[in-house]
Amino acid sequence: MAAAVVAATLASVAIVFEEPHAGLADSYRALVREFLDAGEPLVPFVLAIPADDFGEFLGRLAACARGEGLPPGFVPHSTYWLVDDGDVVAVSNLRHALTDALRNHGGNIGYGVRPSARRRGFATRILAFTLDRAHSLGLDEALLTCAKSNEGSIRAIQRNGGVLVSEEFVADRGDVVQRWRIGLGAGAR
């Protein structure tokens, strides 16, 4: 499968938004290791999918995007990478639809930035690209959720036109979760 590529410029460095591919398998695995070494949760959840056999990993991601072989309660979802100078610096996951559970916690888009690449605008950038992809799938708006304590994610959501809808304490997370909406139609962001 050919990688969908969108290029942009951020601080004079080429940033590429693309579908996962074998050419950056080692960089992707290093990103996952950084999360684990930092003791952080694997966000988005696809980072927890084993990638030892990268061909199998890519096949599973492609099947998920087509809605094939999904566990109960899952919806079709697509995964994307943000690549900076040949390194995967961020990963996003776009859920094509929402269930009641995703409306409560999860939303349409989850994303994570490699710990060593944070505070450089990558969260804002991968979210913007992923929102564009959501619009191309026919979504008129996206729902995002994040912990109230996650200031970096809140800033990325706000920079992409996010409007706070609600927040509530979620006992199984032990944190206050905020729900944000971002319009995707013409002129919405």
C-alpha atoms as a PDB file:
ATOM      1  CA  MET A   1       0.000   0.000   0.000  1.00  0.00           C
ATOM      2  CA  ALA A   2       1.402   3.404  -0.943  1.00  0.00           C
ATOM      3  CA  ALA A   3       1.851   5.809   1.931  1.00  0.00           C
ATOM      4  CA  ALA A   4      -0.312   8.890   1.852  1.00  0.00           C
ATOM      5  CA  VAL A   5       2.025  11.808   2.290  1.00  0.00           C
ATOM      6  CA  VAL A   6       1.369  15.413   3.158  1.00  0.00           C
ATOM      7  CA  ALA A   7       4.380  17.688   3.606  1.00  0.00           C
ATOM      8  CA  ALA A   8       4.537  20.901   5.573  1.00  0.00           C
ATOM      9  CA  THR A   9       7.223  23.161   6.884  1.00  0.00           C
ATOM     10  CA  LEU A  10       7.722  23.830  10.578  1.00  0.00           C
ATOM     11  CA  ALA A  11      10.761  25.835  11.702  1.00  0.00           C
ATOM     12  CA  SER A  12      12.511  25.237   8.333  1.00  0.00           C
ATOM     13  CA  VAL A  13      12.347  21.459   8.752  1.00  0.00           C
ATOM     14  CA  ALA A  14      10.293  19.193   6.496  1.00  0.00           C
ATOM     15  CA  ILE A  15       7.531  17.520   8.455  1.00  0.00           C
ATOM     16  CA  VAL A  16       5.763  14.589   6.821  1.00  0.00           C
ATOM     17  CA  PHE A  17       2.361  13.147   7.770  1.00  0.00           C
ATOM     18  CA  GLU A  18       2.037   9.611   6.469  1.00  0.00           C
ATOM     19  CA  GLU A  19       0.613   6.162   6.952  1.00  0.00           C
ATOM     20  CA  PRO A  20       2.832   3.677   8.791  1.00  0.00           C
ATOM     21  CA  HIS A  21       5.309   1.787   6.608  1.00  0.00           C
ATOM     22  CA  ALA A  22       8.226  -0.605   7.015  1.00  0.00           C
ATOM     23  CA  GLY A  23      10.835   2.001   6.049  1.00  0.00           C
ATOM     24  CA  LEU A  24      10.622   3.570   9.511  1.00  0.00           C
ATOM     25  CA  ALA A  25      10.060   0.413  11.569  1.00  0.00           C
ATOM     26  CA  ASP A  26      13.143   0.995  13.758  1.00  0.00           C
ATOM     27  CA  SER A  27      12.192   4.615  14.439  1.00  0.00           C
ATOM     28  CA  TYR A  28       8.639   3.611  15.340  1.00  0.00           C
ATOM     29  CA  ARG A  29       9.879   0.893  17.706  1.00  0.00           C
ATOM     30  CA  ALA A  30      12.235   3.444  19.318  1.00  0.00           C
ATOM     31  CA  LEU A  31       9.283   5.789  19.877  1.00  0.00           C
ATOM     32  CA  VAL A  32       7.376   3.019  21.673  1.00  0.00           C
ATOM     33  CA  ARG A  33      10.482   2.208  23.752  1.00  0.00           C
ATOM     34  CA  GLU A  34      10.728   5.870  24.806  1.00  0.00           C
ATOM     35  CA  PHE A  35       7.169   5.753  26.159  1.00  0.00           C
ATOM     36  CA  LEU A  36       7.907   2.519  28.028  1.00  0.00           C
ATOM     37  CA  ASP A  37      11.267   3.734  29.366  1.00  0.00           C
ATOM     38  CA  ALA A  38       9.569   6.908  30.635  1.00  0.00           C
ATOM     39  CA  GLY A  39       6.907   4.801  32.377  1.00  0.00           C
ATOM     40  CA  GLU A  40       4.158   6.528  30.404  1.00  0.00           C
ATOM     41  CA  PRO A  41       0.945   5.014  29.079  1.00  0.00           C
ATOM     42  CA  LEU A  42       1.027   4.024  25.411  1.00  0.00           C
ATOM     43  CA  VAL A  43      -1.099   6.725  23.781  1.00  0.00           C
ATOM     44  CA  PRO A  44      -2.651   6.317  21.315  1.00  0.00           C
ATOM     45  CA  PHE A  45      -3.664   2.761  22.142  1.00  0.00           C
ATOM     46  CA  VAL A  46      -2.233   1.361  18.880  1.00  0.00           C
ATOM     47  CA  LEU A  47       1.261   1.798  20.347  1.00  0.00           C
ATOM     48  CA  ALA A  48       0.480  -1.309  22.425  1.00  0.00           C
ATOM     49  CA  ILE A  49      -0.002  -3.493  19.330  1.00  0.00           C
ATOM     50  CA  PRO A  50       3.078  -5.725  19.045  1.00  0.00           C
ATOM     51  CA  ALA A  51       5.371  -4.596  16.218  1.00  0.00           C
ATOM     52  CA  ASP A  52       8.080  -7.274  16.348  1.00  0.00           C
ATOM     53  CA  ASP A  53       6.861  -8.643  13.007  1.00  0.00           C
ATOM     54  CA  PHE A  54       6.408  -5.313  11.270  1.00  0.00           C
ATOM     55  CA  GLY A  55       4.661  -6.768   8.232  1.00  0.00           C
ATOM     56  CA  GLU A  56       2.058  -8.350  10.490  1.00  0.00           C
ATOM     57  CA  PHE A  57       1.748  -5.083  12.431  1.00  0.00           C
ATOM     58  CA  LEU A  58       1.131  -3.109   9.230  1.00  0.00           C
ATOM     59  CA  GLY A  59      -1.387  -5.702   8.057  1.00  0.00           C
ATOM     60  CA  ARG A  60      -3.280  -5.379  11.321  1.00  0.00           C
ATOM     61  CA  LEU A  61      -3.379  -1.572  11.063  1.00  0.00           C
ATOM     62  CA  ALA A  62      -4.661  -1.810   7.473  1.00  0.00           C
ATOM     63  CA  ALA A  63      -7.373  -4.289   8.526  1.00  0.00           C
ATOM     64  CA  CYS A  64      -8.436  -1.973  11.366  1.00  0.00           C
ATOM     65  CA  ALA A  65      -8.797   0.914   8.902  1.00  0.00           C
ATOM     66  CA  ARG A  66     -11.068  -1.290   6.755  1.00  0.00           C
ATOM     67  CA  GLY A  67     -13.047  -2.351   9.841  1.00  0.00           C
ATOM     68  CA  GLU A  68     -11.942  -5.991   9.589  1.00  0.00           C
ATOM     69  CA  GLY A  69     -11.226  -8.218  12.579  1.00  0.00           C
ATOM     70  CA  LEU A  70     -12.091  -5.576  15.162  1.00  0.00           C
ATOM     71  CA  PRO A  71     -12.707  -6.562  18.771  1.00  0.00           C
ATOM     72  CA  PRO A  72     -16.249  -6.006  20.102  1.00  0.00           C
ATOM     73  CA  GLY A  73     -16.957  -2.336  20.741  1.00  0.00           C
ATOM     74  CA  PHE A  74     -14.274  -1.104  18.334  1.00  0.00           C
ATOM     75  CA  VAL A  75     -14.920   0.991  15.230  1.00  0.00           C
ATOM     76  CA  PRO A  76     -12.782   1.256  12.095  1.00  0.00           C
ATOM     77  CA  HIS A  77      -9.719   3.382  12.829  1.00  0.00           C
ATOM     78  CA  SER A  78      -6.688   4.642  10.921  1.00  0.00           C
ATOM     79  CA  THR A  79      -3.197   5.279  12.233  1.00  0.00           C
ATOM     80  CA  TYR A  80      -0.800   7.981  11.051  1.00  0.00           C
ATOM     81  CA  TRP A  81       2.733   9.093  11.756  1.00  0.00           C
ATOM     82  CA  LEU A  82       4.323  12.516  11.916  1.00  0.00           C
ATOM     83  CA  VAL A  83       7.908  12.221  10.705  1.00  0.00           C
ATOM     84  CA  ASP A  84      10.596  14.830  11.316  1.00  0.00           C
ATOM     85  CA  ASP A  85      13.945  14.412   9.575  1.00  0.00           C
ATOM     86  CA  GLY A  86      13.417  10.670   9.147  1.00  0.00           C
ATOM     87  CA  ASP A  87      12.225   9.971  12.707  1.00  0.00           C
ATOM     88  CA  VAL A  88       8.693   9.126  13.788  1.00  0.00           C
ATOM     89  CA  VAL A  89       8.001  11.853  16.363  1.00  0.00           C
ATOM     90  CA  ALA A  90       4.250  11.417  16.849  1.00  0.00           C
ATOM     91  CA  VAL A  91       1.469   8.916  16.202  1.00  0.00           C
ATOM     92  CA  SER A  92      -2.248   9.575  15.809  1.00  0.00           C
ATOM     93  CA  ASN A  93      -5.242   7.284  15.622  1.00  0.00           C
ATOM     94  CA  LEU A  94      -8.467   8.401  13.973  1.00  0.00           C
ATOM     95  CA  ARG A  95     -11.675   6.588  14.879  1.00  0.00           C
ATOM     96  CA  HIS A  96     -14.018   6.800  11.878  1.00  0.00           C
ATOM     97  CA  ALA A  97     -17.169   6.803  14.049  1.00  0.00           C
ATOM     98  CA  LEU A  98     -18.132   7.076  17.711  1.00  0.00           C
ATOM     99  CA  THR A  99     -19.754   4.602  20.064  1.00  0.00           C
ATOM    100  CA  ASP A 100     -21.336   5.669  23.357  1.00  0.00           C
ATOM    101  CA  ALA A 101     -18.130   4.586  25.110  1.00  0.00           C
ATOM    102  CA  LEU A 102     -15.959   6.688  22.758  1.00  0.00           C
ATOM    103  CA  ARG A 103     -18.249   9.683  23.275  1.00  0.00           C
ATOM    104  CA  ASN A 104     -17.568   9.361  26.981  1.00  0.00           C
ATOM    105  CA  HIS A 105     -13.856   8.667  26.803  1.00  0.00           C
ATOM    106  CA  GLY A 106     -11.640   8.425  23.735  1.00  0.00           C
ATOM    107  CA  GLY A 107     -13.310  10.564  21.098  1.00  0.00           C
ATOM    108  CA  ASN A 108     -12.430  10.481  17.420  1.00  0.00           C
ATOM    109  CA  ILE A 109      -8.711  11.134  17.720  1.00  0.00           C
ATOM    110  CA  GLY A 110      -5.951  10.027  20.022  1.00  0.00           C
ATOM    111  CA  TYR A 111      -2.337  11.068  19.591  1.00  0.00           C
ATOM    112  CA  GLY A 112       0.983  10.907  21.341  1.00  0.00           C
ATOM    113  CA  VAL A 113       4.354  12.581  20.900  1.00  0.00           C
ATOM    114  CA  ARG A 114       7.684  10.863  21.532  1.00  0.00           C
ATOM    115  CA  PRO A 115       8.872  12.079  24.975  1.00  0.00           C
ATOM    116  CA  SER A 116      12.152  13.455  23.563  1.00  0.00           C
ATOM    117  CA  ALA A 117      10.255  15.440  20.886  1.00  0.00           C
ATOM    118  CA  ARG A 118       7.765  17.292  23.060  1.00  0.00           C
ATOM    119  CA  ARG A 119       7.302  21.049  23.378  1.00  0.00           C
ATOM    120  CA  ARG A 120       8.186  21.605  19.712  1.00  0.00           C
ATOM    121  CA  GLY A 121       4.693  21.893  18.195  1.00  0.00           C
ATOM    122  CA  PHE A 122       4.390  18.297  16.998  1.00  0.00           C
ATOM    123  CA  ALA A 123       1.127  17.619  18.895  1.00  0.00           C
ATOM    124  CA  THR A 124      -0.511  20.650  17.288  1.00  0.00           C
ATOM    125  CA  ARG A 125       0.753  19.619  13.861  1.00  0.00           C
ATOM    126  CA  ILE A 126      -0.257  15.929  13.985  1.00  0.00           C
ATOM    127  CA  LEU A 127      -3.672  16.885  15.318  1.00  0.00           C
ATOM    128  CA  ALA A 128      -4.159  19.384  12.461  1.00  0.00           C
ATOM    129  CA  PHE A 129      -3.236  16.788   9.835  1.00  0.00           C
ATOM    130  CA  THR A 130      -5.451  14.165  11.474  1.00  0.00           C
ATOM    131  CA  LEU A 131      -8.384  16.592  11.608  1.00  0.00           C
ATOM    132  CA  ASP A 132      -7.942  17.184   7.867  1.00  0.00           C
ATOM    133  CA  ARG A 133      -8.037  13.429   7.330  1.00  0.00           C
ATOM    134  CA  ALA A 134     -11.194  13.180   9.495  1.00  0.00           C
ATOM    135  CA  HIS A 135     -12.844  15.802   7.312  1.00  0.00           C
ATOM    136  CA  SER A 136     -11.849  13.867   4.182  1.00  0.00           C
ATOM    137  CA  LEU A 137     -13.653  10.832   5.683  1.00  0.00           C
ATOM    138  CA  GLY A 138     -16.833  12.929   5.837  1.00  0.00           C
ATOM    139  CA  LEU A 139     -16.826  13.952   9.497  1.00  0.00           C
ATOM    140  CA  ASP A 140     -18.243  17.432  10.178  1.00  0.00           C
ATOM    141  CA  GLU A 141     -16.719  17.627  13.639  1.00  0.00           C
ATOM    142  CA  ALA A 142     -14.353  15.692  15.845  1.00  0.00           C
ATOM    143  CA  LEU A 143     -14.675  14.905  19.521  1.00  0.00           C
ATOM    144  CA  LEU A 144     -11.455  14.749  21.518  1.00  0.00           C
ATOM    145  CA  THR A 145     -10.996  13.852  25.150  1.00  0.00           C
ATOM    146  CA  CYS A 146      -8.028  14.477  27.385  1.00  0.00           C
ATOM    147  CA  ALA A 147      -7.088  14.657  31.015  1.00  0.00           C
ATOM    148  CA  LYS A 148      -7.553  18.121  32.486  1.00  0.00           C
ATOM    149  CA  SER A 149      -3.988  17.800  33.779  1.00  0.00           C
ATOM    150  CA  ASN A 150      -2.563  17.329  30.235  1.00  0.00           C
ATOM    151  CA  GLU A 151      -1.718  20.959  29.491  1.00  0.00           C
ATOM    152  CA  GLY A 152       0.212  20.169  26.296  1.00  0.00           C
ATOM    153  CA  SER A 153      -2.709  18.325  24.751  1.00  0.00           C
ATOM    154  CA  ILE A 154      -5.139  21.045  25.802  1.00  0.00           C
ATOM    155  CA  ARG A 155      -2.981  23.667  24.061  1.00  0.00           C
ATOM    156  CA  ALA A 156      -2.808  21.536  20.880  1.00  0.00           C
ATOM    157  CA  ILE A 157      -6.592  21.116  20.891  1.00  0.00           C
ATOM    158  CA  GLN A 158      -7.171  24.843  21.466  1.00  0.00           C
ATOM    159  CA  ARG A 159      -4.718  25.773  18.674  1.00  0.00           C
ATOM    160  CA  ASN A 160      -6.804  23.603  16.350  1.00  0.00           C
ATOM    161  CA  GLY A 161     -10.061  25.342  17.232  1.00  0.00           C
ATOM    162  CA  GLY A 162     -11.208  23.121  20.085  1.00  0.00           C
ATOM    163  CA  VAL A 163     -14.173  24.224  22.151  1.00  0.00           C
ATOM    164  CA  LEU A 164     -14.556  22.747  25.635  1.00  0.00           C
ATOM    165  CA  VAL A 165     -17.885  20.916  25.898  1.00  0.00           C
ATOM    166  CA  SER A 166     -17.702  19.301  29.324  1.00  0.00           C
ATOM    167  CA  GLU A 167     -15.484  17.811  31.979  1.00  0.00           C
ATOM    168  CA  GLU A 168     -16.039  15.211  34.647  1.00  0.00           C
ATOM    169  CA  PHE A 169     -14.117  13.042  37.045  1.00  0.00           C
ATOM    170  CA  VAL A 170     -13.683   9.523  35.613  1.00  0.00           C
ATOM    171  CA  ALA A 171     -13.120   7.125  38.491  1.00  0.00           C
ATOM    172  CA  ASP A 172     -11.345   4.372  36.531  1.00  0.00           C
ATOM    173  CA  ARG A 173      -8.805   6.953  35.298  1.00  0.00           C
ATOM    174  CA  GLY A 174      -8.573   8.779  38.591  1.00  0.00           C
ATOM    175  CA  ASP A 175      -8.603  12.066  36.702  1.00  0.00           C
ATOM    176  CA  VAL A 176     -10.889  14.770  35.346  1.00  0.00           C
ATOM    177  CA  VAL A 177     -11.530  14.166  31.642  1.00  0.00           C
ATOM    178  CA  GLN A 178     -12.377  17.068  29.356  1.00  0.00           C
ATOM    179  CA  ARG A 179     -14.385  16.719  26.141  1.00  0.00           C
ATOM    180  CA  TRP A 180     -13.593  19.047  23.262  1.00  0.00           C
ATOM    181  CA  ARG A 181     -15.299  19.544  19.879  1.00  0.00           C
ATOM    182  CA  ILE A 182     -13.570  20.786  16.768  1.00  0.00           C
ATOM    183  CA  GLY A 183     -15.595  21.758  13.700  1.00  0.00           C
ATOM    184  CA  LEU A 184     -14.259  20.400  10.416  1.00  0.00           C
ATOM    185  CA  GLY A 185     -16.389  22.126   7.814  1.00  0.00           C
ATOM    186  CA  ALA A 186     -15.266  24.979   5.571  1.00  0.00           C
ATOM    187  CA  GLY A 187     -13.927  27.835   7.684  1.00  0.00           C
ATOM    188  CA  ALA A 188     -14.454  25.934  10.937  1.00  0.00           C
ATOM    189  CA  ARG A 189     -10.822  26.118  12.066  1.00  0.00           C
END
